């Protein structure tokens, strides 16, 4: 419990401690102070802490460390993860949006994995033998065995601080090697940063979390087992397996073979369609559609998947290569933007364009797997 960050103050400062639990504690505090010339570039110090209830790791999403508006600089962070099983927990990438990145809609800091961000990439699931603590990076706790339990990483940005003039969003992707909605991780995190007076930010005190008993592996494992009993279903999804093909080419076949899948799919099933000849097509009609709507599709990706032109009401909306070396689903979803219905319907047409050079056909056919459609409009809110 040692803090060596400089904490500037213009006129006066104070330190207070509040016991928010029901046990007495002994505390000793030592403060070192010195003269400081406050000027227009001076900033206050912040240590923004966040902890959540156990978090499902699928579908993938970005877990926010800090969002701030104003001028400041991020100088370090700490990431604690309670993992209920043996295996890798940190596949996610950091995505840090700074100033003009918001206009470009792409982060200037985009990593390749939590292990790279915290400086201990090794290609294997870490064990306590991989613990280390260095001046700028630390893998200070590794759960045993093989990352089960608490894992704590730190990074001090003394040499690579992240200044922002207007705005920052600091996210870390929540991702592990198990793509099931029933698999939970427990996160807590602290970001160390400075901000000019008047800066606003989203990480507020969480006394109810801070006063909790320390979460345990056993408690998290019990939550995982309970979640396994519930079926994963995406809210608002039109499940493709429940829809019939309205029109198709003769050579197109359903359920020709199994589409390899890593992780769960909504409702446990998907529309399974296979194509042979370039130009072959299928059409699926979404009826009772009465107004302009945003349409998205979640489709399978994998070694057996083909490339398709996708039309909505005869308008070409996208050309999509669904080949991937790893079986899974499109993430993010394929987004076709807003579309006007014709005769109170959206007709989605998939035209087979061939396969990626690395793709593998199954008995001469390439796959199209559709998990679900999302049709978003304001109709039900009127």
Protein backbone atom coordinates (compact mmCIF):
# COMPACT_ATOMS: atom_id res chain seq x y z
CA UNK A 1 0.00 0.00 0.00
CA UNK A 2 2.70 2.45 -1.07
CA UNK A 3 1.92 5.35 -3.42
CA UNK A 4 4.75 7.40 -4.87
CA UNK A 5 2.81 9.46 -7.39
CA UNK A 6 3.27 13.20 -7.08
CA UNK A 7 -0.06 14.83 -6.14
CA UNK A 8 0.09 18.57 -6.87
CA UNK A 9 -2.25 21.01 -5.15
CA UNK A 10 -2.56 24.75 -5.70
CA UNK A 11 -3.42 26.05 -2.22
CA UNK A 12 -4.12 23.20 0.17
CA UNK A 13 -4.63 19.45 0.27
CA UNK A 14 -5.93 16.82 2.65
CA UNK A 15 -5.90 13.06 3.11
CA UNK A 16 -8.84 11.23 4.66
CA UNK A 17 -9.55 7.57 5.28
CA UNK A 18 -13.01 6.05 5.77
CA UNK A 19 -13.63 2.55 7.08
CA UNK A 20 -16.59 1.23 5.06
CA UNK A 21 -16.56 -2.27 6.52
CA UNK A 22 -17.36 -3.64 9.97
CA UNK A 23 -13.88 -4.56 11.23
CA UNK A 24 -11.46 -2.22 12.96
CA UNK A 25 -8.11 -1.55 11.30
CA UNK A 26 -4.82 0.05 12.35
CA UNK A 27 -3.51 2.66 9.93
CA UNK A 28 -0.25 4.55 9.73
CA UNK A 29 0.12 7.33 7.16
CA UNK A 30 3.27 9.18 6.17
CA UNK A 31 3.09 12.11 3.73
CA UNK A 32 6.11 13.74 2.13
CA UNK A 33 5.47 17.25 0.85
CA UNK A 34 7.53 19.93 -0.84
CA UNK A 35 7.14 23.26 -2.57
CA UNK A 36 5.47 23.24 -5.98
CA UNK A 37 4.98 26.09 -8.45
CA UNK A 38 1.38 25.78 -9.69
CA UNK A 39 0.90 27.14 -13.23
CA UNK A 40 -1.53 26.87 -16.16
CA UNK A 41 -0.25 23.39 -17.06
CA UNK A 42 -0.51 21.95 -13.55
CA UNK A 43 -2.82 19.00 -13.01
CA UNK A 44 -4.41 17.09 -10.16
CA UNK A 45 -3.68 13.40 -9.64
CA UNK A 46 -6.41 10.74 -9.97
CA UNK A 47 -6.52 7.01 -9.21
CA UNK A 48 -9.78 5.83 -10.80
CA UNK A 49 -10.92 2.41 -9.58
CA UNK A 50 -13.56 0.19 -11.12
CA UNK A 51 -14.90 -3.22 -10.14
CA UNK A 52 -17.87 -5.04 -11.62
CA UNK A 53 -19.99 -8.04 -10.88
CA UNK A 54 -18.73 -11.16 -12.73
CA UNK A 55 -18.72 -10.45 -16.47
CA UNK A 56 -19.62 -12.87 -19.31
CA UNK A 57 -16.79 -13.08 -21.83
CA UNK A 58 -18.99 -13.67 -24.89
CA UNK A 59 -20.15 -11.84 -26.91
CA UNK A 60 -16.88 -9.91 -26.88
CA UNK A 61 -16.99 -6.31 -25.71
CA UNK A 62 -14.65 -3.52 -24.62
CA UNK A 63 -14.27 -3.03 -20.85
CA UNK A 64 -13.70 0.63 -20.09
CA UNK A 65 -10.76 1.69 -17.91
CA UNK A 66 -11.41 5.44 -18.18
CA UNK A 67 -13.29 8.02 -20.23
CA UNK A 68 -12.43 11.68 -19.63
CA UNK A 69 -13.17 15.04 -21.22
CA UNK A 70 -10.69 17.85 -20.91
CA UNK A 71 -6.90 17.91 -20.77
CA UNK A 72 -4.82 15.33 -19.00
CA UNK A 73 -2.32 12.49 -19.21
CA UNK A 74 -2.56 8.76 -18.37
CA UNK A 75 0.52 7.56 -16.50
CA UNK A 76 -0.26 3.97 -15.50
CA UNK A 77 -2.79 1.25 -14.85
CA UNK A 78 -3.40 -2.00 -12.98
CA UNK A 79 -5.63 -4.91 -14.07
CA UNK A 80 -6.86 -7.64 -11.69
CA UNK A 81 -8.68 -10.69 -13.05
CA UNK A 82 -10.26 -13.53 -11.09
CA UNK A 83 -10.29 -16.57 -13.39
CA UNK A 84 -12.51 -19.54 -12.40
CA UNK A 85 -10.66 -22.16 -14.44
CA UNK A 86 -7.23 -23.17 -15.66
CA UNK A 87 -6.38 -21.51 -18.94
CA UNK A 88 -5.80 -18.24 -20.67
CA UNK A 89 -7.97 -15.26 -19.70
CA UNK A 90 -6.44 -12.24 -21.50
CA UNK A 91 -6.82 -12.46 -25.28
CA UNK A 92 -8.28 -8.93 -25.42
CA UNK A 93 -6.57 -5.93 -27.01
CA UNK A 94 -6.25 -2.41 -25.63
CA UNK A 95 -8.11 0.24 -27.66
CA UNK A 96 -7.27 3.78 -26.61
CA UNK A 97 -9.00 6.67 -28.38
CA UNK A 98 -7.28 10.06 -28.00
CA UNK A 99 -8.54 13.42 -29.33
CA UNK A 100 -8.76 13.17 -33.15
CA UNK A 101 -9.26 9.40 -32.97
CA UNK A 102 -12.93 10.05 -32.24
CA UNK A 103 -13.35 11.77 -35.61
CA UNK A 104 -11.51 8.93 -37.38
CA UNK A 105 -13.52 6.33 -35.39
CA UNK A 106 -10.38 4.27 -34.82
CA UNK A 107 -8.00 4.17 -31.82
CA UNK A 108 -4.40 5.32 -32.19
CA UNK A 109 -3.39 2.72 -29.56
CA UNK A 110 -4.57 -0.72 -30.73
CA UNK A 111 -2.76 -3.67 -29.21
CA UNK A 112 -2.41 -7.37 -29.90
CA UNK A 113 -3.30 -8.90 -26.55
CA UNK A 114 -3.27 -8.30 -22.82
CA UNK A 115 -0.04 -10.25 -22.42
CA UNK A 116 1.70 -7.90 -24.88
CA UNK A 117 0.29 -4.82 -23.18
CA UNK A 118 1.68 -5.89 -19.81
CA UNK A 119 5.00 -7.07 -21.21
CA UNK A 120 5.10 -10.82 -20.65
CA UNK A 121 4.02 -12.39 -23.96
CA UNK A 122 5.25 -15.95 -24.14
CA UNK A 123 2.73 -17.98 -26.13
CA UNK A 124 1.84 -20.21 -23.18
CA UNK A 125 -0.67 -19.99 -20.34
CA UNK A 126 1.29 -18.32 -17.52
CA UNK A 127 2.11 -20.02 -14.23
CA UNK A 128 3.51 -18.53 -11.01
CA UNK A 129 6.95 -19.05 -12.57
CA UNK A 130 6.04 -16.20 -14.93
CA UNK A 131 5.55 -13.66 -12.13
CA UNK A 132 7.82 -10.61 -12.30
CA UNK A 133 7.99 -7.02 -11.09
CA UNK A 134 10.05 -4.50 -13.06
CA UNK A 135 10.23 -0.69 -12.99
CA UNK A 136 7.61 -0.20 -15.71
CA UNK A 137 5.83 -3.56 -16.04
CA UNK A 138 4.69 -6.25 -13.66
CA UNK A 139 2.95 -9.62 -13.75
CA UNK A 140 2.88 -9.56 -9.99
CA UNK A 141 0.36 -12.33 -9.28
CA UNK A 142 -0.43 -15.38 -11.43
CA UNK A 143 -3.13 -17.80 -10.30
CA UNK A 144 -2.21 -21.39 -9.57
CA UNK A 145 -2.48 -23.74 -11.33
CA UNK A 146 -2.19 -22.20 -14.80
CA UNK A 147 -3.81 -18.82 -14.10
CA UNK A 148 -6.79 -20.12 -12.10
CA UNK A 149 -7.51 -17.63 -9.35
CA UNK A 150 -6.29 -14.06 -9.06
CA UNK A 151 -4.06 -12.54 -11.74
CA UNK A 152 -2.68 -9.01 -11.34
CA UNK A 153 -0.76 -7.00 -13.95
CA UNK A 154 0.60 -3.46 -13.80
CA UNK A 155 2.06 -0.91 -16.20
CA UNK A 156 3.71 2.36 -15.23
CA UNK A 157 3.91 4.82 -18.14
CA UNK A 158 6.88 6.88 -16.99
CA UNK A 159 8.39 6.79 -20.49
CA UNK A 160 5.25 6.42 -22.62
CA UNK A 161 2.56 8.49 -20.90
CA UNK A 162 -0.58 9.18 -22.98
CA UNK A 163 -1.42 12.90 -23.09
CA UNK A 164 -4.84 14.04 -24.27
CA UNK A 165 -5.89 17.57 -25.11
CA UNK A 166 -9.66 17.13 -25.41
CA UNK A 167 -10.82 13.60 -24.71
CA UNK A 168 -9.77 10.01 -24.06
CA UNK A 169 -11.49 6.60 -24.02
CA UNK A 170 -9.29 3.83 -22.61
CA UNK A 171 -10.76 0.34 -23.21
CA UNK A 172 -9.47 -3.21 -22.84
CA UNK A 173 -11.29 -5.91 -24.79
CA UNK A 174 -12.88 -8.56 -22.58
CA UNK A 175 -11.82 -11.77 -24.30
CA UNK A 176 -10.49 -15.16 -23.29
CA UNK A 177 -10.03 -18.51 -24.94
CA UNK A 178 -13.55 -19.68 -24.07
CA UNK A 179 -16.32 -18.11 -26.15
CA UNK A 180 -19.29 -19.10 -24.04
CA UNK A 181 -21.73 -16.72 -22.41
CA UNK A 182 -21.69 -18.84 -19.28
CA UNK A 183 -17.96 -18.30 -18.74
CA UNK A 184 -17.43 -15.37 -16.35
CA UNK A 185 -14.41 -13.38 -15.23
CA UNK A 186 -14.29 -10.96 -12.31
CA UNK A 187 -12.51 -7.70 -13.13
CA UNK A 188 -11.20 -4.84 -11.03
CA UNK A 189 -8.96 -2.10 -12.37
CA UNK A 190 -7.23 1.17 -11.47
CA UNK A 191 -6.07 3.88 -13.89
CA UNK A 192 -3.52 6.45 -12.69
CA UNK A 193 -3.76 9.80 -14.45
CA UNK A 194 -3.54 13.58 -14.16
CA UNK A 195 -6.15 16.13 -15.27
CA UNK A 196 -6.40 19.91 -15.30
CA UNK A 197 -8.96 21.50 -12.96
CA UNK A 198 -12.39 21.09 -14.52
CA UNK A 199 -11.70 17.80 -16.31
CA UNK A 200 -14.70 15.43 -16.17
CA UNK A 201 -14.56 11.64 -16.07
CA UNK A 202 -16.75 8.59 -15.69
CA UNK A 203 -15.11 6.59 -12.92
CA UNK A 204 -16.89 7.53 -9.70
CA UNK A 205 -16.42 6.04 -6.21
CA UNK A 206 -17.94 2.58 -5.69
CA UNK A 207 -18.22 2.13 -1.91
CA UNK A 208 -20.59 -0.83 -2.29
CA UNK A 209 -17.96 -2.67 -4.33
CA UNK A 210 -15.06 -1.59 -2.14
CA UNK A 211 -16.85 -2.93 0.96
CA UNK A 212 -17.60 -6.36 -0.53
CA UNK A 213 -15.91 -9.45 0.78
CA UNK A 214 -13.12 -10.41 -1.56
CA UNK A 215 -14.62 -12.51 -4.40
CA UNK A 216 -13.47 -16.14 -4.34
CA UNK A 217 -12.78 -18.76 -6.98
CA UNK A 218 -15.48 -20.98 -5.46
CA UNK A 219 -18.11 -18.25 -5.66
CA UNK A 220 -17.25 -17.47 -9.28
CA UNK A 221 -17.24 -21.17 -10.20
CA UNK A 222 -20.75 -21.52 -8.73
CA UNK A 223 -21.95 -18.63 -10.89
CA UNK A 224 -20.42 -20.27 -13.98
CA UNK A 225 -22.19 -23.56 -13.27
CA UNK A 226 -25.53 -21.79 -12.80
CA UNK A 227 -25.09 -19.86 -16.05
CA UNK A 228 -24.43 -23.09 -17.98
CA UNK A 229 -28.03 -24.05 -17.37
CA UNK A 230 -29.36 -21.03 -19.27
CA UNK A 231 -29.44 -20.94 -23.08
CA UNK A 232 -27.53 -18.13 -24.78
CA UNK A 233 -29.93 -16.00 -26.85
CA UNK A 234 -29.18 -12.56 -28.29
CA UNK A 235 -31.83 -10.01 -27.32
CA UNK A 236 -34.05 -8.97 -30.24
CA UNK A 237 -32.57 -11.50 -32.65
CA UNK A 238 -34.56 -12.94 -35.57
CA UNK A 239 -33.20 -16.46 -35.43
CA UNK A 240 -32.24 -17.47 -38.96
CA UNK A 241 -32.85 -21.19 -38.37
CA UNK A 242 -36.55 -20.39 -37.84
CA UNK A 243 -36.88 -18.69 -41.25
CA UNK A 244 -37.48 -20.50 -44.53
CA UNK A 245 -35.66 -19.82 -47.77
CA UNK A 246 -38.11 -18.10 -50.10
CA UNK A 247 -36.12 -18.61 -53.34
CA UNK A 248 -32.86 -20.36 -54.24
CA UNK A 249 -30.78 -21.81 -57.05
CA UNK A 250 -31.21 -25.51 -57.71
CA UNK A 251 -27.68 -26.47 -56.64
CA UNK A 252 -27.98 -24.80 -53.24
CA UNK A 253 -28.42 -27.30 -50.40
CA UNK A 254 -29.26 -26.92 -46.74
CA UNK A 255 -27.47 -28.91 -44.02
CA UNK A 256 -24.97 -30.37 -46.51
CA UNK A 257 -22.38 -30.63 -43.71
CA UNK A 258 -21.69 -29.30 -40.24
CA UNK A 259 -20.30 -25.75 -40.08
CA UNK A 260 -17.39 -25.81 -37.62
CA UNK A 261 -18.00 -23.43 -34.72
CA UNK A 262 -15.87 -22.22 -31.81
CA UNK A 263 -18.07 -20.86 -29.06
CA UNK A 264 -21.81 -20.51 -28.68
CA UNK A 265 -24.38 -19.33 -31.19
CA UNK A 266 -27.69 -17.69 -30.37
CA UNK A 267 -30.42 -20.21 -29.54
CA UNK A 268 -27.93 -23.02 -30.15
CA UNK A 269 -28.60 -23.26 -33.92
CA UNK A 270 -28.00 -21.42 -37.19
CA UNK A 271 -29.18 -21.49 -40.82
CA UNK A 272 -26.87 -23.93 -42.61
CA UNK A 273 -26.64 -23.32 -46.41
CA UNK A 274 -24.12 -24.65 -48.96
CA UNK A 275 -23.23 -23.39 -52.47
CA UNK A 276 -21.54 -25.02 -55.45
CA UNK A 277 -21.53 -22.69 -58.48
CA UNK A 278 -20.62 -19.01 -58.67
CA UNK A 279 -23.80 -17.02 -59.16
CA UNK A 280 -25.94 -19.42 -57.12
CA UNK A 281 -28.13 -17.59 -54.63
CA UNK A 282 -30.65 -17.78 -51.81
CA UNK A 283 -33.26 -15.26 -50.72
CA UNK A 284 -34.69 -14.93 -47.22
CA UNK A 285 -37.70 -12.68 -46.70
CA UNK A 286 -38.27 -10.74 -43.49
CA UNK A 287 -41.96 -9.87 -43.47
CA UNK A 288 -44.11 -7.44 -41.49
CA UNK A 289 -41.53 -4.67 -41.79
CA UNK A 290 -43.20 -1.29 -41.93
CA UNK A 291 -40.52 1.40 -41.68
CA UNK A 292 -36.90 2.28 -42.34
CA UNK A 293 -34.70 -0.02 -40.25
CA UNK A 294 -31.08 -0.66 -39.42
CA UNK A 295 -30.24 -4.24 -40.43
CA UNK A 296 -27.37 -6.35 -39.14
CA UNK A 297 -26.43 -9.99 -39.63
CA UNK A 298 -24.41 -12.37 -37.49
CA UNK A 299 -22.87 -14.96 -39.82
CA UNK A 300 -20.46 -17.86 -39.46
CA UNK A 301 -16.81 -17.51 -40.39
CA UNK A 302 -14.51 -20.46 -40.93
CA UNK A 303 -12.35 -22.54 -43.27
CA UNK A 304 -15.33 -23.81 -45.29
CA UNK A 305 -17.12 -20.47 -45.71
CA UNK A 306 -17.42 -18.66 -49.04
CA UNK A 307 -17.55 -15.10 -50.39
CA UNK A 308 -20.94 -13.51 -51.04
CA UNK A 309 -22.55 -10.42 -52.50
CA UNK A 310 -25.38 -9.44 -50.18
CA UNK A 311 -28.41 -7.51 -51.43
CA UNK A 312 -31.36 -6.01 -49.57
CA UNK A 313 -34.41 -5.46 -51.79
CA UNK A 314 -32.21 -5.77 -54.90
CA UNK A 315 -29.67 -3.18 -53.71
CA UNK A 316 -26.10 -4.42 -53.29
CA UNK A 317 -25.12 -3.69 -49.68
CA UNK A 318 -21.86 -5.59 -49.17
CA UNK A 319 -19.40 -8.11 -50.55
CA UNK A 320 -18.30 -10.33 -47.69
CA UNK A 321 -15.50 -12.90 -47.54
CA UNK A 322 -16.43 -15.17 -44.63
CA UNK A 323 -13.27 -17.27 -44.69
CA UNK A 324 -11.36 -17.49 -41.41
CA UNK A 325 -8.69 -19.85 -40.16
CA UNK A 326 -10.72 -20.20 -36.94
CA UNK A 327 -14.39 -21.10 -36.85
CA UNK A 328 -16.63 -18.52 -35.20
CA UNK A 329 -19.07 -15.73 -36.00
CA UNK A 330 -18.72 -12.23 -37.39
CA UNK A 331 -17.79 -9.79 -34.66
CA UNK A 332 -18.82 -7.05 -34.98
CA UNK A 333 -21.98 -7.99 -36.86
CA UNK A 334 -22.22 -7.23 -40.59
CA UNK A 335 -23.92 -3.83 -40.64
CA UNK A 336 -26.00 -2.76 -43.66
CA UNK A 337 -27.12 0.56 -42.21
CA UNK A 338 -30.66 1.83 -42.68
CA UNK A 339 -32.93 0.33 -45.32
CA UNK A 340 -36.44 1.06 -46.58
CA UNK A 341 -38.86 -1.88 -46.77
CA UNK A 342 -40.57 -2.77 -50.04
CA UNK A 343 -44.11 -4.09 -49.78
CA UNK A 344 -43.63 -4.33 -46.01
CA UNK A 345 -40.67 -6.67 -46.30
CA UNK A 346 -36.90 -6.90 -46.50
CA UNK A 347 -35.63 -9.50 -48.97
CA UNK A 348 -32.04 -10.48 -48.27
CA UNK A 349 -30.28 -12.13 -51.19
CA UNK A 350 -26.93 -13.92 -50.86
CA UNK A 351 -25.10 -14.51 -54.16
CA UNK A 352 -22.14 -16.93 -54.11
CA UNK A 353 -18.97 -15.34 -55.56
CA UNK A 354 -16.48 -18.15 -54.91
CA UNK A 355 -14.03 -18.88 -52.12
CA UNK A 356 -10.90 -17.45 -50.60
CA UNK A 357 -7.68 -19.07 -51.87
CA UNK A 358 -7.19 -20.62 -48.42
CA UNK A 359 -10.76 -21.89 -48.05
CA UNK A 360 -11.59 -25.60 -48.07
CA UNK A 361 -14.78 -26.82 -49.75
CA UNK A 362 -16.64 -29.85 -48.43
CA UNK A 363 -17.48 -32.21 -51.28
CA UNK A 364 -17.33 -29.31 -53.72
CA UNK A 365 -19.50 -26.92 -51.70
CA UNK A 366 -18.86 -23.77 -49.64
CA UNK A 367 -20.83 -22.76 -46.57
CA UNK A 368 -23.02 -19.86 -45.57
CA UNK A 369 -24.06 -19.96 -41.93
CA UNK A 370 -26.47 -17.31 -40.66
CA UNK A 371 -26.98 -17.15 -36.89
CA UNK A 372 -29.50 -14.31 -36.73
CA UNK A 373 -30.72 -10.99 -38.12
CA UNK A 374 -31.13 -7.78 -36.11
CA UNK A 375 -33.74 -5.32 -37.41
CA UNK A 376 -33.69 -2.09 -35.44
CA UNK A 377 -36.34 0.61 -35.78
CA UNK A 378 -38.65 2.71 -33.64
CA UNK A 379 -41.87 0.91 -34.56
CA UNK A 380 -42.54 -0.68 -31.17
CA UNK A 381 -41.78 2.56 -29.32
CA UNK A 382 -44.46 4.63 -31.08
